[in-house]
Amino acid sequence: MPLPQAVILDLDGTLVDSVYLHVQAWAAAFREAGRPQPAWRVHSAIGLPGERLVRWLLAEVPTGGLIEELVESHRRRFLDAAGQLQPTTGASALLEDLRDRGVPFVVATSASKPEREALLAVLGDPEVAVTGAGDAGGKPDAGPVAAAAADLPSDASVRMLGDATWDGHAAAAAGVEFVAVRTGGFSDAALHAAGARMVFDAPAAYVGVL
């Protein structure tokens, strides 16, 4: 595959090993709210924005403030355990490689500000440029990827690196090529079905490839 001219890097689960901490935090939040969900189903929803994740798992539009209750409960639990987070293998090396080769890139996330700050603290790279979805909606819609692409040169061919099927669907909707890592715990088959051109273990494998 030819090298892209610009790159979008997903943060949560791709550059920071956070997926299973999210699973634990969401599962505990649902139990506390009296709406328990199996961990495997929670995992399958990781990568969706919080409110959309709740609706997708409950297959309904909850009333009475349940969405806000669950989102806040998850956020509190995740932040309380954020000391357990680590960068994924090769995350820093990939950022350094892109800079050394002069490849424009942006780190994209739909995480809330407190979660974003916790993730970036783990990454430990004060120079990294980060964009949020803002009012662009959430994955699997095109909005988050399109918002990130808008921060890159307008005439560049763009490739996105992500860890979840939702990343692939959002990239496809935005017309951006998608490649994946296994750090989100999704199968190769699921990632390829979501549009991934390549699937490797971790960001380390993409040094010199992105």
N, C-alpha and C. Protein backbone atom coordinates (compact mmCIF):
# COMPACT_ATOMS: atom_id res chain seq x y z
N MET A 1 0.84 -1.19 0.00
CA MET A 1 0.00 0.00 0.00
C MET A 1 0.87 1.24 0.00
N PRO A 2 0.58 2.25 -0.83
CA PRO A 2 1.36 3.48 -0.82
C PRO A 2 1.20 4.20 0.52
N LEU A 3 2.24 4.93 0.91
CA LEU A 3 2.16 5.68 2.15
C LEU A 3 1.18 6.83 2.00
N PRO A 4 0.42 7.13 3.05
CA PRO A 4 -0.50 8.27 2.99
C PRO A 4 0.27 9.57 3.13
N GLN A 5 -0.39 10.68 2.86
CA GLN A 5 0.22 11.99 3.03
C GLN A 5 -0.13 12.63 4.37
N ALA A 6 -1.11 12.09 5.06
CA ALA A 6 -1.51 12.58 6.38
C ALA A 6 -2.22 11.45 7.12
N VAL A 7 -2.22 11.53 8.45
CA VAL A 7 -2.69 10.41 9.26
C VAL A 7 -3.58 10.91 10.40
N ILE A 8 -4.67 10.17 10.64
CA ILE A 8 -5.51 10.35 11.83
C ILE A 8 -5.25 9.16 12.75
N LEU A 9 -4.95 9.43 13.99
CA LEU A 9 -4.69 8.39 14.98
C LEU A 9 -5.78 8.43 16.05
N ASP A 10 -6.51 7.35 16.18
CA ASP A 10 -7.44 7.24 17.30
C ASP A 10 -6.64 7.19 18.60
N LEU A 11 -7.15 7.77 19.65
CA LEU A 11 -6.44 7.83 20.94
C LEU A 11 -6.81 6.68 21.86
N ASP A 12 -8.08 6.59 22.18
CA ASP A 12 -8.58 5.70 23.22
C ASP A 12 -8.65 4.26 22.70
N GLY A 13 -7.74 3.41 23.18
CA GLY A 13 -7.70 2.03 22.73
C GLY A 13 -6.67 1.77 21.66
N THR A 14 -6.25 2.82 20.94
CA THR A 14 -5.26 2.67 19.87
C THR A 14 -3.88 3.09 20.35
N LEU A 15 -3.77 4.29 20.88
CA LEU A 15 -2.49 4.76 21.43
C LEU A 15 -2.39 4.50 22.92
N VAL A 16 -3.52 4.37 23.59
CA VAL A 16 -3.54 4.06 25.03
C VAL A 16 -4.33 2.78 25.25
N ASP A 17 -3.77 1.86 26.04
CA ASP A 17 -4.38 0.56 26.30
C ASP A 17 -5.49 0.72 27.33
N SER A 18 -6.66 1.11 26.85
CA SER A 18 -7.74 1.53 27.75
C SER A 18 -9.03 0.73 27.62
N VAL A 19 -9.12 -0.13 26.62
CA VAL A 19 -10.41 -0.74 26.29
C VAL A 19 -10.97 -1.56 27.44
N TYR A 20 -10.15 -2.40 28.04
CA TYR A 20 -10.70 -3.30 29.06
C TYR A 20 -10.99 -2.57 30.37
N LEU A 21 -10.32 -1.46 30.61
CA LEU A 21 -10.70 -0.63 31.75
C LEU A 21 -12.07 0.01 31.50
N HIS A 22 -12.32 0.41 30.25
CA HIS A 22 -13.65 0.91 29.90
C HIS A 22 -14.71 -0.18 30.11
N VAL A 23 -14.41 -1.39 29.69
CA VAL A 23 -15.37 -2.49 29.85
C VAL A 23 -15.73 -2.67 31.32
N GLN A 24 -14.71 -2.69 32.18
CA GLN A 24 -14.96 -2.87 33.61
C GLN A 24 -15.79 -1.72 34.17
N ALA A 25 -15.45 -0.49 33.77
CA ALA A 25 -16.15 0.67 34.30
C ALA A 25 -17.61 0.71 33.84
N TRP A 26 -17.84 0.42 32.56
CA TRP A 26 -19.21 0.40 32.06
C TRP A 26 -20.01 -0.74 32.69
N ALA A 27 -19.43 -1.92 32.78
CA ALA A 27 -20.17 -3.06 33.35
C ALA A 27 -20.58 -2.76 34.79
N ALA A 28 -19.68 -2.16 35.56
CA ALA A 28 -20.00 -1.80 36.94
C ALA A 28 -21.09 -0.74 37.00
N ALA A 29 -21.04 0.22 36.07
CA ALA A 29 -22.05 1.27 36.05
C ALA A 29 -23.44 0.70 35.75
N PHE A 30 -23.51 -0.21 34.79
CA PHE A 30 -24.80 -0.82 34.47
C PHE A 30 -25.32 -1.67 35.63
N ARG A 31 -24.43 -2.40 36.30
CA ARG A 31 -24.86 -3.19 37.46
C ARG A 31 -25.41 -2.29 38.54
N GLU A 32 -24.71 -1.22 38.84
CA GLU A 32 -25.13 -0.31 39.89
C GLU A 32 -26.50 0.30 39.57
N ALA A 33 -26.78 0.51 38.29
CA ALA A 33 -28.05 1.10 37.88
C ALA A 33 -29.16 0.07 37.78
N GLY A 34 -28.86 -1.19 38.08
CA GLY A 34 -29.88 -2.24 38.00
C GLY A 34 -30.18 -2.69 36.59
N ARG A 35 -29.27 -2.42 35.64
CA ARG A 35 -29.44 -2.83 34.25
C ARG A 35 -28.21 -3.59 33.79
N PRO A 36 -27.86 -4.70 34.44
CA PRO A 36 -26.59 -5.39 34.15
C PRO A 36 -26.49 -5.83 32.69
N GLN A 37 -25.26 -5.76 32.17
CA GLN A 37 -24.96 -6.16 30.80
C GLN A 37 -23.78 -7.12 30.82
N PRO A 38 -23.82 -8.19 30.02
CA PRO A 38 -22.67 -9.10 29.95
C PRO A 38 -21.44 -8.35 29.46
N ALA A 39 -20.28 -8.71 29.99
CA ALA A 39 -19.05 -8.01 29.62
C ALA A 39 -18.77 -8.09 28.13
N TRP A 40 -19.12 -9.21 27.49
CA TRP A 40 -18.83 -9.34 26.06
C TRP A 40 -19.64 -8.35 25.24
N ARG A 41 -20.89 -8.07 25.69
CA ARG A 41 -21.70 -7.09 24.97
C ARG A 41 -21.17 -5.68 25.20
N VAL A 42 -20.74 -5.40 26.43
CA VAL A 42 -20.15 -4.10 26.71
C VAL A 42 -18.93 -3.90 25.83
N HIS A 43 -18.09 -4.92 25.75
CA HIS A 43 -16.89 -4.81 24.92
C HIS A 43 -17.23 -4.50 23.47
N SER A 44 -18.27 -5.13 22.95
CA SER A 44 -18.62 -4.93 21.54
C SER A 44 -19.05 -3.50 21.25
N ALA A 45 -19.42 -2.75 22.30
CA ALA A 45 -19.88 -1.37 22.12
C ALA A 45 -18.79 -0.35 22.38
N ILE A 46 -17.63 -0.78 22.89
CA ILE A 46 -16.57 0.17 23.20
C ILE A 46 -16.08 0.82 21.91
N GLY A 47 -15.95 2.12 21.97
CA GLY A 47 -15.62 2.91 20.78
C GLY A 47 -16.76 3.84 20.40
N LEU A 48 -17.96 3.52 20.87
CA LEU A 48 -19.10 4.43 20.69
C LEU A 48 -19.04 5.53 21.75
N PRO A 49 -19.52 6.73 21.45
CA PRO A 49 -19.64 7.76 22.49
C PRO A 49 -20.58 7.27 23.59
N GLY A 50 -20.41 7.79 24.81
CA GLY A 50 -21.12 7.27 25.96
C GLY A 50 -22.63 7.18 25.80
N GLU A 51 -23.27 8.26 25.37
CA GLU A 51 -24.73 8.24 25.27
C GLU A 51 -25.19 7.24 24.22
N ARG A 52 -24.46 7.16 23.11
CA ARG A 52 -24.83 6.20 22.07
C ARG A 52 -24.58 4.77 22.53
N LEU A 53 -23.52 4.56 23.29
CA LEU A 53 -23.24 3.23 23.84
C LEU A 53 -24.39 2.76 24.71
N VAL A 54 -24.89 3.63 25.58
CA VAL A 54 -25.99 3.26 26.47
C VAL A 54 -27.22 2.87 25.66
N ARG A 55 -27.59 3.69 24.69
CA ARG A 55 -28.77 3.40 23.88
C ARG A 55 -28.59 2.09 23.12
N TRP A 56 -27.40 1.86 22.59
CA TRP A 56 -27.15 0.66 21.80
C TRP A 56 -27.25 -0.60 22.67
N LEU A 57 -26.68 -0.55 23.86
CA LEU A 57 -26.70 -1.72 24.74
C LEU A 57 -28.10 -2.00 25.28
N LEU A 58 -28.84 -0.95 25.60
CA LEU A 58 -30.18 -1.16 26.15
C LEU A 58 -31.24 -1.31 25.07
N ALA A 59 -30.87 -1.05 23.82
CA ALA A 59 -31.80 -1.17 22.68
C ALA A 59 -33.08 -0.37 22.92
N GLU A 60 -32.91 0.80 23.53
CA GLU A 60 -34.05 1.66 23.81
C GLU A 60 -33.54 3.07 24.07
N VAL A 61 -34.44 4.01 24.19
CA VAL A 61 -34.07 5.36 24.59
C VAL A 61 -34.44 5.50 26.06
N PRO A 62 -33.48 5.38 26.96
CA PRO A 62 -33.79 5.41 28.39
C PRO A 62 -34.37 6.76 28.81
N THR A 63 -35.19 6.74 29.82
CA THR A 63 -35.81 7.96 30.34
C THR A 63 -35.38 8.19 31.78
N GLY A 64 -35.78 9.34 32.31
CA GLY A 64 -35.54 9.62 33.72
C GLY A 64 -34.10 9.87 34.08
N GLY A 65 -33.31 10.32 33.13
CA GLY A 65 -31.91 10.65 33.44
C GLY A 65 -30.99 9.46 33.52
N LEU A 66 -31.44 8.28 33.06
CA LEU A 66 -30.60 7.08 33.17
C LEU A 66 -29.33 7.20 32.33
N ILE A 67 -29.44 7.80 31.15
CA ILE A 67 -28.24 7.93 30.32
C ILE A 67 -27.18 8.73 31.05
N GLU A 68 -27.56 9.89 31.56
CA GLU A 68 -26.61 10.75 32.26
C GLU A 68 -26.03 10.04 33.48
N GLU A 69 -26.87 9.30 34.18
CA GLU A 69 -26.41 8.56 35.37
C GLU A 69 -25.35 7.54 34.99
N LEU A 70 -25.60 6.79 33.92
CA LEU A 70 -24.65 5.76 33.50
C LEU A 70 -23.36 6.36 32.97
N VAL A 71 -23.48 7.42 32.17
CA VAL A 71 -22.28 8.06 31.62
C VAL A 71 -21.40 8.60 32.73
N GLU A 72 -22.01 9.25 33.71
CA GLU A 72 -21.22 9.82 34.80
C GLU A 72 -20.63 8.73 35.69
N SER A 73 -21.38 7.65 35.92
CA SER A 73 -20.87 6.55 36.73
C SER A 73 -19.67 5.90 36.04
N HIS A 74 -19.77 5.70 34.74
CA HIS A 74 -18.64 5.15 34.00
C HIS A 74 -17.44 6.08 34.08
N ARG A 75 -17.66 7.37 33.85
CA ARG A 75 -16.55 8.33 33.86
C ARG A 75 -15.84 8.33 35.20
N ARG A 76 -16.61 8.32 36.27
CA ARG A 76 -16.01 8.34 37.61
C ARG A 76 -15.16 7.10 37.85
N ARG A 77 -15.70 5.94 37.48
CA ARG A 77 -14.96 4.69 37.70
C ARG A 77 -13.70 4.63 36.83
N PHE A 78 -13.84 5.08 35.58
CA PHE A 78 -12.69 5.04 34.67
C PHE A 78 -11.58 5.95 35.18
N LEU A 79 -11.93 7.16 35.59
CA LEU A 79 -10.91 8.09 36.07
C LEU A 79 -10.29 7.62 37.37
N ASP A 80 -11.09 7.00 38.23
CA ASP A 80 -10.54 6.48 39.49
C ASP A 80 -9.49 5.41 39.24
N ALA A 81 -9.61 4.69 38.14
CA ALA A 81 -8.68 3.60 37.83
C ALA A 81 -7.65 3.98 36.77
N ALA A 82 -7.60 5.25 36.39
CA ALA A 82 -6.75 5.67 35.27
C ALA A 82 -5.26 5.43 35.53
N GLY A 83 -4.87 5.27 36.78
CA GLY A 83 -3.48 4.96 37.09
C GLY A 83 -3.01 3.63 36.53
N GLN A 84 -3.96 2.78 36.13
CA GLN A 84 -3.61 1.48 35.56
C GLN A 84 -3.29 1.55 34.07
N LEU A 85 -3.60 2.67 33.43
CA LEU A 85 -3.45 2.78 31.99
C LEU A 85 -1.99 2.84 31.57
N GLN A 86 -1.72 2.30 30.38
CA GLN A 86 -0.39 2.32 29.79
C GLN A 86 -0.53 2.63 28.30
N PRO A 87 0.52 3.21 27.68
CA PRO A 87 0.48 3.35 26.22
C PRO A 87 0.48 1.97 25.57
N THR A 88 -0.09 1.85 24.41
CA THR A 88 0.00 0.61 23.66
C THR A 88 1.42 0.48 23.12
N THR A 89 1.79 -0.74 22.76
CA THR A 89 3.15 -1.01 22.32
C THR A 89 3.49 -0.21 21.05
N GLY A 90 4.51 0.62 21.18
CA GLY A 90 4.97 1.38 20.03
C GLY A 90 4.24 2.67 19.77
N ALA A 91 3.34 3.08 20.66
CA ALA A 91 2.60 4.32 20.43
C ALA A 91 3.53 5.51 20.31
N SER A 92 4.45 5.65 21.24
CA SER A 92 5.38 6.78 21.21
C SER A 92 6.31 6.69 20.01
N ALA A 93 6.75 5.47 19.68
CA ALA A 93 7.64 5.29 18.53
C ALA A 93 6.95 5.69 17.23
N LEU A 94 5.66 5.41 17.12
CA LEU A 94 4.92 5.78 15.92
C LEU A 94 4.81 7.29 15.80
N LEU A 95 4.50 7.97 16.89
CA LEU A 95 4.42 9.43 16.86
C LEU A 95 5.77 10.04 16.46
N GLU A 96 6.83 9.50 17.02
CA GLU A 96 8.17 10.00 16.69
C GLU A 96 8.50 9.75 15.22
N ASP A 97 8.13 8.59 14.73
CA ASP A 97 8.39 8.25 13.33
C ASP A 97 7.66 9.19 12.39
N LEU A 98 6.39 9.47 12.67
CA LEU A 98 5.64 10.38 11.82
C LEU A 98 6.26 11.77 11.81
N ARG A 99 6.70 12.24 12.98
CA ARG A 99 7.35 13.55 13.05
C ARG A 99 8.66 13.55 12.26
N ASP A 100 9.46 12.49 12.43
CA ASP A 100 10.74 12.42 11.75
C ASP A 100 10.57 12.45 10.24
N ARG A 101 9.50 11.84 9.74
CA ARG A 101 9.27 11.78 8.29
C ARG A 101 8.46 12.96 7.78
N GLY A 102 8.06 13.84 8.70
CA GLY A 102 7.32 15.02 8.29
C GLY A 102 5.90 14.73 7.83
N VAL A 103 5.30 13.65 8.34
CA VAL A 103 3.92 13.30 7.97
C VAL A 103 2.95 14.04 8.88
N PRO A 104 2.10 14.90 8.35
CA PRO A 104 1.11 15.58 9.21
C PRO A 104 0.18 14.55 9.84
N PHE A 105 -0.08 14.72 11.13
CA PHE A 105 -1.01 13.81 11.79
C PHE A 105 -1.75 14.54 12.89
N VAL A 106 -2.89 13.97 13.25
CA VAL A 106 -3.67 14.50 14.36
C VAL A 106 -4.21 13.31 15.15
N VAL A 107 -4.25 13.46 16.46
CA VAL A 107 -4.82 12.44 17.34
C VAL A 107 -6.29 12.81 17.58
N ALA A 108 -7.17 11.86 17.34
CA ALA A 108 -8.61 12.14 17.39
C ALA A 108 -9.26 11.37 18.54
N THR A 109 -10.19 12.03 19.20
CA THR A 109 -10.93 11.37 20.27
C THR A 109 -12.28 12.05 20.47
N SER A 110 -13.26 11.25 20.87
CA SER A 110 -14.56 11.78 21.26
C SER A 110 -14.74 11.73 22.78
N ALA A 111 -13.64 11.41 23.50
CA ALA A 111 -13.72 11.30 24.96
C ALA A 111 -14.03 12.66 25.58
N SER A 112 -14.68 12.61 26.74
CA SER A 112 -14.94 13.84 27.49
C SER A 112 -13.61 14.47 27.91
N LYS A 113 -13.65 15.74 28.25
CA LYS A 113 -12.41 16.44 28.60
C LYS A 113 -11.64 15.75 29.73
N PRO A 114 -12.28 15.35 30.84
CA PRO A 114 -11.51 14.68 31.90
C PRO A 114 -10.87 13.37 31.43
N GLU A 115 -11.61 12.58 30.65
CA GLU A 115 -11.05 11.33 30.15
C GLU A 115 -9.93 11.60 29.15
N ARG A 116 -10.13 12.59 28.29
CA ARG A 116 -9.09 12.95 27.32
C ARG A 116 -7.80 13.34 28.02
N GLU A 117 -7.92 14.15 29.06
CA GLU A 117 -6.73 14.58 29.80
C GLU A 117 -6.02 13.40 30.45
N ALA A 118 -6.80 12.45 30.98
CA ALA A 118 -6.20 11.27 31.59
C ALA A 118 -5.46 10.43 30.55
N LEU A 119 -6.06 10.27 29.37
CA LEU A 119 -5.43 9.49 28.31
C LEU A 119 -4.17 10.16 27.81
N LEU A 120 -4.21 11.47 27.62
CA LEU A 120 -3.04 12.19 27.13
C LEU A 120 -1.92 12.18 28.16
N ALA A 121 -2.27 12.20 29.44
CA ALA A 121 -1.25 12.12 30.49
C ALA A 121 -0.49 10.80 30.40
N VAL A 122 -1.22 9.73 30.08
CA VAL A 122 -0.58 8.42 29.92
C VAL A 122 0.33 8.42 28.70
N LEU A 123 -0.13 9.05 27.63
CA LEU A 123 0.67 9.11 26.41
C LEU A 123 1.93 9.93 26.63
N GLY A 124 1.85 10.95 27.47
CA GLY A 124 3.03 11.71 27.85
C GLY A 124 3.70 12.45 26.72
N ASP A 125 2.90 13.02 25.82
CA ASP A 125 3.45 13.74 24.67
C ASP A 125 2.79 15.11 24.62
N PRO A 126 3.41 16.13 25.22
CA PRO A 126 2.76 17.44 25.30
C PRO A 126 2.63 18.14 23.95
N GLU A 127 3.35 17.67 22.92
CA GLU A 127 3.32 18.34 21.63
C GLU A 127 2.26 17.78 20.69
N VAL A 128 1.60 16.70 21.08
CA VAL A 128 0.66 16.06 20.17
C VAL A 128 -0.56 16.94 19.94
N ALA A 129 -0.97 17.05 18.70
CA ALA A 129 -2.16 17.82 18.35
C ALA A 129 -3.38 16.91 18.46
N VAL A 130 -4.38 17.37 19.19
CA VAL A 130 -5.56 16.55 19.45
C VAL A 130 -6.80 17.28 18.97
N THR A 131 -7.69 16.56 18.33
CA THR A 131 -8.97 17.13 17.94
C THR A 131 -10.08 16.29 18.53
N GLY A 132 -11.16 16.93 18.92
CA GLY A 132 -12.34 16.24 19.41
C GLY A 132 -13.44 16.31 18.38
N ALA A 133 -14.49 15.53 18.59
CA ALA A 133 -15.59 15.51 17.64
C ALA A 133 -16.39 16.81 17.67
N GLY A 134 -16.35 17.51 18.81
CA GLY A 134 -17.12 18.74 18.93
C GLY A 134 -18.60 18.46 18.71
N ASP A 135 -19.20 19.20 17.79
CA ASP A 135 -20.61 19.01 17.48
C ASP A 135 -20.81 18.09 16.29
N ALA A 136 -19.75 17.33 15.94
CA ALA A 136 -19.80 16.52 14.73
C ALA A 136 -20.49 15.18 14.95
N GLY A 137 -20.98 14.93 16.16
CA GLY A 137 -21.63 13.65 16.42
C GLY A 137 -20.62 12.61 16.86
N GLY A 138 -21.00 11.36 16.80
CA GLY A 138 -20.13 10.29 17.28
C GLY A 138 -20.06 9.15 16.30
N LYS A 139 -19.06 8.30 16.48
CA LYS A 139 -18.94 7.10 15.67
C LYS A 139 -20.18 6.24 15.87
N PRO A 140 -20.60 5.53 14.83
CA PRO A 140 -19.95 5.29 13.54
C PRO A 140 -20.26 6.32 12.46
N ASP A 141 -20.82 7.48 12.81
CA ASP A 141 -21.06 8.52 11.83
C ASP A 141 -19.74 9.10 11.34
N ALA A 142 -19.77 9.78 10.22
CA ALA A 142 -18.56 10.34 9.62
C ALA A 142 -17.99 11.51 10.41
N GLY A 143 -18.83 12.17 11.22
CA GLY A 143 -18.46 13.42 11.86
C GLY A 143 -17.11 13.46 12.55
N PRO A 144 -16.82 12.53 13.47
CA PRO A 144 -15.55 12.61 14.19
C PRO A 144 -14.33 12.51 13.27
N VAL A 145 -14.39 11.63 12.27
CA VAL A 145 -13.26 11.48 11.36
C VAL A 145 -13.15 12.69 10.44
N ALA A 146 -14.27 13.18 9.97
CA ALA A 146 -14.26 14.36 9.12
C ALA A 146 -13.72 15.56 9.87
N ALA A 147 -14.08 15.69 11.16
CA ALA A 147 -13.58 16.80 11.97
C ALA A 147 -12.08 16.72 12.13
N ALA A 148 -11.56 15.51 12.31
CA ALA A 148 -10.11 15.33 12.42
C ALA A 148 -9.42 15.63 11.10
N ALA A 149 -10.00 15.16 10.00
CA ALA A 149 -9.41 15.39 8.68
C ALA A 149 -9.35 16.87 8.35
N ALA A 150 -10.29 17.64 8.88
CA ALA A 150 -10.31 19.08 8.62
C ALA A 150 -9.11 19.79 9.22
N ASP A 151 -8.43 19.15 10.18
CA ASP A 151 -7.23 19.73 10.78
C ASP A 151 -5.97 19.33 10.03
N LEU A 152 -6.10 18.60 8.94
CA LEU A 152 -4.96 18.15 8.13
C LEU A 152 -4.97 18.89 6.79
N PRO A 153 -3.86 18.86 6.04
CA PRO A 153 -3.85 19.53 4.73
C PRO A 153 -5.01 19.08 3.86
N SER A 154 -5.70 20.03 3.26
CA SER A 154 -6.95 19.72 2.56
C SER A 154 -6.75 18.85 1.33
N ASP A 155 -5.56 18.87 0.73
CA ASP A 155 -5.33 18.11 -0.50
C ASP A 155 -4.60 16.80 -0.25
N ALA A 156 -4.44 16.42 1.01
CA ALA A 156 -3.67 15.21 1.34
C ALA A 156 -4.53 13.97 1.30
N SER A 157 -3.94 12.84 0.90
CA SER A 157 -4.59 11.56 1.09
C SER A 157 -4.42 11.16 2.55
N VAL A 158 -5.50 10.71 3.18
CA VAL A 158 -5.51 10.50 4.62
C VAL A 158 -5.79 9.04 4.93
N ARG A 159 -5.08 8.53 5.92
CA ARG A 159 -5.31 7.19 6.43
C ARG A 159 -5.57 7.28 7.93
N MET A 160 -6.50 6.48 8.42
CA MET A 160 -6.81 6.47 9.85
C MET A 160 -6.40 5.15 10.48
N LEU A 161 -5.79 5.24 11.66
CA LEU A 161 -5.45 4.06 12.45
C LEU A 161 -6.38 3.99 13.65
N GLY A 162 -7.10 2.87 13.79
CA GLY A 162 -8.01 2.69 14.91
C GLY A 162 -8.00 1.27 15.42
N ASP A 163 -8.75 1.04 16.47
CA ASP A 163 -8.76 -0.27 17.12
C ASP A 163 -10.13 -0.94 17.14
N ALA A 164 -11.17 -0.23 16.68
CA ALA A 164 -12.54 -0.73 16.83
C ALA A 164 -13.27 -0.73 15.49
N THR A 165 -14.25 -1.59 15.38
CA THR A 165 -15.07 -1.60 14.18
C THR A 165 -15.74 -0.26 13.95
N TRP A 166 -16.09 0.42 15.03
CA TRP A 166 -16.75 1.73 14.91
C TRP A 166 -15.82 2.73 14.24
N ASP A 167 -14.51 2.62 14.47
CA ASP A 167 -13.55 3.48 13.79
C ASP A 167 -13.62 3.26 12.28
N GLY A 168 -13.70 1.98 11.89
CA GLY A 168 -13.75 1.66 10.48
C GLY A 168 -14.99 2.18 9.80
N HIS A 169 -16.13 2.05 10.46
CA HIS A 169 -17.38 2.53 9.87
C HIS A 169 -17.34 4.05 9.73
N ALA A 170 -16.80 4.75 10.75
CA ALA A 170 -16.71 6.20 10.68
C ALA A 170 -15.75 6.64 9.58
N ALA A 171 -14.62 5.94 9.45
CA ALA A 171 -13.66 6.27 8.41
C ALA A 171 -14.27 6.08 7.02
N ALA A 172 -14.98 4.97 6.84
CA ALA A 172 -15.62 4.71 5.55
C ALA A 172 -16.64 5.79 5.22
N ALA A 173 -17.42 6.19 6.22
CA ALA A 173 -18.43 7.22 5.99
C ALA A 173 -17.80 8.55 5.62
N ALA A 174 -16.57 8.79 6.11
CA ALA A 174 -15.87 10.04 5.82
C ALA A 174 -14.99 9.94 4.58
N GLY A 175 -14.94 8.76 3.96
CA GLY A 175 -14.11 8.59 2.78
C GLY A 175 -12.63 8.51 3.08
N VAL A 176 -12.27 8.00 4.27
CA VAL A 176 -10.88 7.92 4.70
C VAL A 176 -10.48 6.44 4.80
N GLU A 177 -9.29 6.12 4.29
CA GLU A 177 -8.80 4.74 4.36
C GLU A 177 -8.57 4.35 5.83
N PHE A 178 -8.88 3.10 6.16
CA PHE A 178 -8.81 2.61 7.54
C PHE A 178 -7.84 1.45 7.66
N VAL A 179 -6.94 1.52 8.63
CA VAL A 179 -6.10 0.39 9.02
C VAL A 179 -6.25 0.22 10.53
N ALA A 180 -5.97 -0.97 11.03
CA ALA A 180 -6.36 -1.27 12.41
C ALA A 180 -5.27 -1.96 13.21
N VAL A 181 -5.44 -1.87 14.52
CA VAL A 181 -4.64 -2.63 15.47
C VAL A 181 -5.57 -3.51 16.29
N ARG A 182 -4.99 -4.56 16.87
CA ARG A 182 -5.77 -5.53 17.65
C ARG A 182 -5.92 -5.12 19.11
N THR A 183 -5.42 -3.95 19.48
CA THR A 183 -5.41 -3.52 20.88
C THR A 183 -6.80 -3.29 21.45
N GLY A 184 -7.82 -3.20 20.59
CA GLY A 184 -9.18 -3.05 21.08
C GLY A 184 -9.86 -4.37 21.36
N GLY A 185 -9.21 -5.48 21.00
CA GLY A 185 -9.78 -6.79 21.26
C GLY A 185 -10.79 -7.25 20.23
N PHE A 186 -10.93 -6.54 19.11
CA PHE A 186 -11.82 -6.97 18.04
C PHE A 186 -11.09 -7.95 17.13
N SER A 187 -11.81 -8.90 16.58
CA SER A 187 -11.20 -9.93 15.73
C SER A 187 -10.76 -9.32 14.40
N ASP A 188 -9.79 -9.99 13.77
CA ASP A 188 -9.36 -9.55 12.44
C ASP A 188 -10.54 -9.54 11.47
N ALA A 189 -11.38 -10.58 11.56
CA ALA A 189 -12.51 -10.67 10.64
C ALA A 189 -13.44 -9.48 10.81
N ALA A 190 -13.70 -9.11 12.07
CA ALA A 190 -14.60 -7.97 12.32
C ALA A 190 -13.98 -6.67 11.82
N LEU A 191 -12.67 -6.50 12.03
CA LEU A 191 -12.00 -5.28 11.60
C LEU A 191 -11.95 -5.19 10.07
N HIS A 192 -11.66 -6.32 9.42
CA HIS A 192 -11.66 -6.31 7.96
C HIS A 192 -13.07 -6.04 7.43
N ALA A 193 -14.08 -6.62 8.07
CA ALA A 193 -15.46 -6.37 7.64
C ALA A 193 -15.84 -4.90 7.80
N ALA A 194 -15.19 -4.22 8.76
CA ALA A 194 -15.44 -2.80 8.97
C ALA A 194 -14.59 -1.92 8.04
N GLY A 195 -13.82 -2.56 7.14
CA GLY A 195 -13.09 -1.82 6.13
C GLY A 195 -11.60 -1.75 6.29
N ALA A 196 -11.03 -2.41 7.31
CA ALA A 196 -9.59 -2.33 7.54
C ALA A 196 -8.81 -2.95 6.38
N ARG A 197 -7.86 -2.18 5.85
CA ARG A 197 -7.01 -2.69 4.77
C ARG A 197 -5.89 -3.56 5.33
N MET A 198 -5.43 -3.24 6.54
CA MET A 198 -4.40 -4.01 7.22
C MET A 198 -4.79 -4.11 8.69
N VAL A 199 -4.37 -5.20 9.34
CA VAL A 199 -4.57 -5.37 10.78
C VAL A 199 -3.27 -5.92 11.37
N PHE A 200 -2.69 -5.16 12.31
CA PHE A 200 -1.49 -5.60 13.01
C PHE A 200 -1.75 -5.54 14.51
N ASP A 201 -0.81 -6.10 15.29
CA ASP A 201 -1.01 -6.19 16.72
C ASP A 201 -1.13 -4.83 17.41
N ALA A 202 -0.22 -3.91 17.10
CA ALA A 202 -0.11 -2.68 17.88
C ALA A 202 0.53 -1.59 17.02
N PRO A 203 0.54 -0.34 17.48
CA PRO A 203 1.13 0.74 16.70
C PRO A 203 2.57 0.50 16.28
N ALA A 204 3.32 -0.27 17.06
CA ALA A 204 4.72 -0.54 16.71
C ALA A 204 4.86 -1.08 15.29
N ALA A 205 3.90 -1.88 14.85
CA ALA A 205 3.98 -2.50 13.54
C ALA A 205 3.76 -1.50 12.40
N TYR A 206 3.26 -0.30 12.73
CA TYR A 206 2.99 0.70 11.71
C TYR A 206 4.08 1.74 11.58
N VAL A 207 5.15 1.62 12.35
CA VAL A 207 6.28 2.53 12.20
C VAL A 207 6.85 2.35 10.78
N GLY A 208 6.92 3.44 10.04
CA GLY A 208 7.39 3.39 8.66
C GLY A 208 6.33 2.95 7.66
N VAL A 209 5.14 2.58 8.16
CA VAL A 209 4.06 2.10 7.29
C VAL A 209 2.98 3.17 7.15
N LEU A 210 2.71 3.90 8.22
CA LEU A 210 1.73 4.99 8.15
C LEU A 210 2.38 6.25 7.58
